[in-house]
Amino acid sequence: MTTWEKFVARRKINTDLFLSRNSIKTREEFVIHLLARSIEPPDEQTLSAMFPQPVQQQAESQNSELAEEPQQVIATSTRRQSNTQNKKR
């Protein structure tokens, strides 16, 4: 299997032109397109540079991560209280 980097270098491909000519709009479409042609997709860092996450999605993913943390803390403190109460009995 050829890597994306070797494929681009060997054929002197312009990435933006490649994406538009193949009607590729998402990283998932890109990866599927490459795998179908036995080309190993680039690493995550390169994919992120090629397909930056929209600002709104970044904010939503950060908010969802933050929303999960307090629930875990609450669950942990509730368990500690329960354990403390059980020890007193």
C-alpha atoms as a PDB file:
ATOM      1  CA  MET A   1       0.000   0.000   0.000  1.00  0.00           C
ATOM      2  CA  THR A   2       1.359   3.404  -0.984  1.00  0.00           C
ATOM      3  CA  THR A   3       1.274   6.224   1.551  1.00  0.00           C
ATOM      4  CA  TRP A   4      -0.492   9.495   0.830  1.00  0.00           C
ATOM      5  CA  GLU A   5       2.816  11.365   1.108  1.00  0.00           C
ATOM      6  CA  LYS A   6       4.504   9.151  -1.522  1.00  0.00           C
ATOM      7  CA  PHE A   7       1.435   9.317  -3.760  1.00  0.00           C
ATOM      8  CA  VAL A   8       1.397  13.140  -3.672  1.00  0.00           C
ATOM      9  CA  ALA A   9       5.159  13.423  -4.211  1.00  0.00           C
ATOM     10  CA  ARG A  10       5.285  10.905  -7.053  1.00  0.00           C
ATOM     11  CA  ARG A  11       2.382  12.444  -8.970  1.00  0.00           C
ATOM     12  CA  LYS A  12       3.044  16.065  -7.957  1.00  0.00           C
ATOM     13  CA  ILE A  13      -0.535  16.436  -6.776  1.00  0.00           C
ATOM     14  CA  ASN A  14      -2.069  19.695  -5.587  1.00  0.00           C
ATOM     15  CA  THR A  15      -4.126  18.598  -2.569  1.00  0.00           C
ATOM     16  CA  ASP A  16      -6.872  21.212  -2.987  1.00  0.00           C
ATOM     17  CA  LEU A  17      -7.277  20.346  -6.642  1.00  0.00           C
ATOM     18  CA  PHE A  18      -7.325  16.626  -5.825  1.00  0.00           C
ATOM     19  CA  LEU A  19     -10.113  17.157  -3.278  1.00  0.00           C
ATOM     20  CA  SER A  20     -12.235  19.297  -5.589  1.00  0.00           C
ATOM     21  CA  ARG A  21     -11.825  17.043  -8.649  1.00  0.00           C
ATOM     22  CA  ASN A  22     -12.880  14.030  -6.598  1.00  0.00           C
ATOM     23  CA  SER A  23     -15.760  15.908  -4.897  1.00  0.00           C
ATOM     24  CA  ILE A  24     -14.309  15.241  -1.461  1.00  0.00           C
ATOM     25  CA  LYS A  25     -15.703  17.488   1.257  1.00  0.00           C
ATOM     26  CA  THR A  26     -15.040  15.610   4.515  1.00  0.00           C
ATOM     27  CA  ARG A  27     -12.134  13.747   6.020  1.00  0.00           C
ATOM     28  CA  GLU A  28     -14.251  10.570   6.053  1.00  0.00           C
ATOM     29  CA  GLU A  29     -14.854  10.828   2.297  1.00  0.00           C
ATOM     30  CA  PHE A  30     -11.142  11.449   1.801  1.00  0.00           C
ATOM     31  CA  VAL A  31     -10.072   8.401   3.819  1.00  0.00           C
ATOM     32  CA  ILE A  32     -12.628   6.163   2.073  1.00  0.00           C
ATOM     33  CA  HIS A  33     -11.457   7.457  -1.329  1.00  0.00           C
ATOM     34  CA  LEU A  34      -7.815   6.686  -0.510  1.00  0.00           C
ATOM     35  CA  LEU A  35      -8.459   3.253   0.979  1.00  0.00           C
ATOM     36  CA  ALA A  36     -10.509   2.261  -2.081  1.00  0.00           C
ATOM     37  CA  ARG A  37      -7.399   2.991  -4.165  1.00  0.00           C
ATOM     38  CA  SER A  38      -4.973   1.189  -1.791  1.00  0.00           C
ATOM     39  CA  ILE A  39      -3.444   4.450  -0.573  1.00  0.00           C
ATOM     40  CA  GLU A  40      -2.647   4.745   3.125  1.00  0.00           C
ATOM     41  CA  PRO A  41      -4.258   7.924   4.505  1.00  0.00           C
ATOM     42  CA  PRO A  42      -2.060  10.588   6.116  1.00  0.00           C
ATOM     43  CA  ASP A  43      -1.607  10.818   9.871  1.00  0.00           C
ATOM     44  CA  GLU A  44      -4.107  12.587  12.129  1.00  0.00           C
ATOM     45  CA  GLN A  45      -2.088  15.815  12.218  1.00  0.00           C
ATOM     46  CA  THR A  46      -2.084  16.090   8.411  1.00  0.00           C
ATOM     47  CA  LEU A  47      -5.794  15.233   8.243  1.00  0.00           C
ATOM     48  CA  SER A  48      -6.558  17.946  10.803  1.00  0.00           C
ATOM     49  CA  ALA A  49      -4.651  20.480   8.715  1.00  0.00           C
ATOM     50  CA  MET A  50      -6.481  19.448   5.553  1.00  0.00           C
ATOM     51  CA  PHE A  51      -9.922  19.343   7.169  1.00  0.00           C
ATOM     52  CA  PRO A  52      -9.977  21.811  10.068  1.00  0.00           C
ATOM     53  CA  GLN A  53     -12.859  21.369  12.467  1.00  0.00           C
ATOM     54  CA  PRO A  54     -15.295  24.296  12.213  1.00  0.00           C
ATOM     55  CA  VAL A  55     -15.146  26.705  15.158  1.00  0.00           C
ATOM     56  CA  GLN A  56     -18.711  25.892  16.275  1.00  0.00           C
ATOM     57  CA  GLN A  57     -17.942  22.155  16.420  1.00  0.00           C
ATOM     58  CA  GLN A  58     -14.761  22.829  18.394  1.00  0.00           C
ATOM     59  CA  ALA A  59     -16.748  24.816  20.960  1.00  0.00           C
ATOM     60  CA  GLU A  60     -19.422  22.131  21.182  1.00  0.00           C
ATOM     61  CA  SER A  61     -16.867  19.353  21.676  1.00  0.00           C
ATOM     62  CA  GLN A  62     -15.091  21.360  24.382  1.00  0.00           C
ATOM     63  CA  ASN A  63     -18.414  22.091  26.107  1.00  0.00           C
ATOM     64  CA  SER A  64     -19.430  18.440  26.023  1.00  0.00           C
ATOM     65  CA  GLU A  65     -16.080  17.461  27.546  1.00  0.00           C
ATOM     66  CA  LEU A  66     -16.524  20.054  30.277  1.00  0.00           C
ATOM     67  CA  ALA A  67     -20.093  18.929  30.913  1.00  0.00           C
ATOM     68  CA  GLU A  68     -18.923  15.359  31.495  1.00  0.00           C
ATOM     69  CA  GLU A  69     -16.293  16.256  34.086  1.00  0.00           C
ATOM     70  CA  PRO A  70     -18.611  17.615  36.816  1.00  0.00           C
ATOM     71  CA  GLN A  71     -20.827  14.547  36.543  1.00  0.00           C
ATOM     72  CA  GLN A  72     -17.827  12.350  37.228  1.00  0.00           C
ATOM     73  CA  VAL A  73     -16.822  14.467  40.198  1.00  0.00           C
ATOM     74  CA  ILE A  74     -20.354  14.378  41.606  1.00  0.00           C
ATOM     75  CA  ALA A  75     -20.530  10.614  41.201  1.00  0.00           C
ATOM     76  CA  THR A  76     -17.180  10.233  42.975  1.00  0.00           C
ATOM     77  CA  SER A  77     -18.139  12.484  45.885  1.00  0.00           C
ATOM     78  CA  THR A  78     -21.504  10.689  46.246  1.00  0.00           C
ATOM     79  CA  ARG A  79     -19.706   7.341  46.476  1.00  0.00           C
ATOM     80  CA  ARG A  80     -17.380   8.735  49.121  1.00  0.00           C
ATOM     81  CA  GLN A  81     -20.328   9.990  51.149  1.00  0.00           C
ATOM     82  CA  SER A  82     -22.035   6.607  50.859  1.00  0.00           C
ATOM     83  CA  ASN A  83     -18.859   4.805  51.944  1.00  0.00           C
ATOM     84  CA  THR A  84     -18.442   7.167  54.883  1.00  0.00           C
ATOM     85  CA  GLN A  85     -22.053   6.606  55.959  1.00  0.00           C
ATOM     86  CA  ASN A  86     -21.645   2.837  55.670  1.00  0.00           C
ATOM     87  CA  LYS A  87     -18.536   2.917  57.859  1.00  0.00           C
ATOM     88  CA  LYS A  88     -20.418   4.855  60.552  1.00  0.00           C
ATOM     89  CA  ARG A  89     -23.126   2.180  60.736  1.00  0.00           C
END
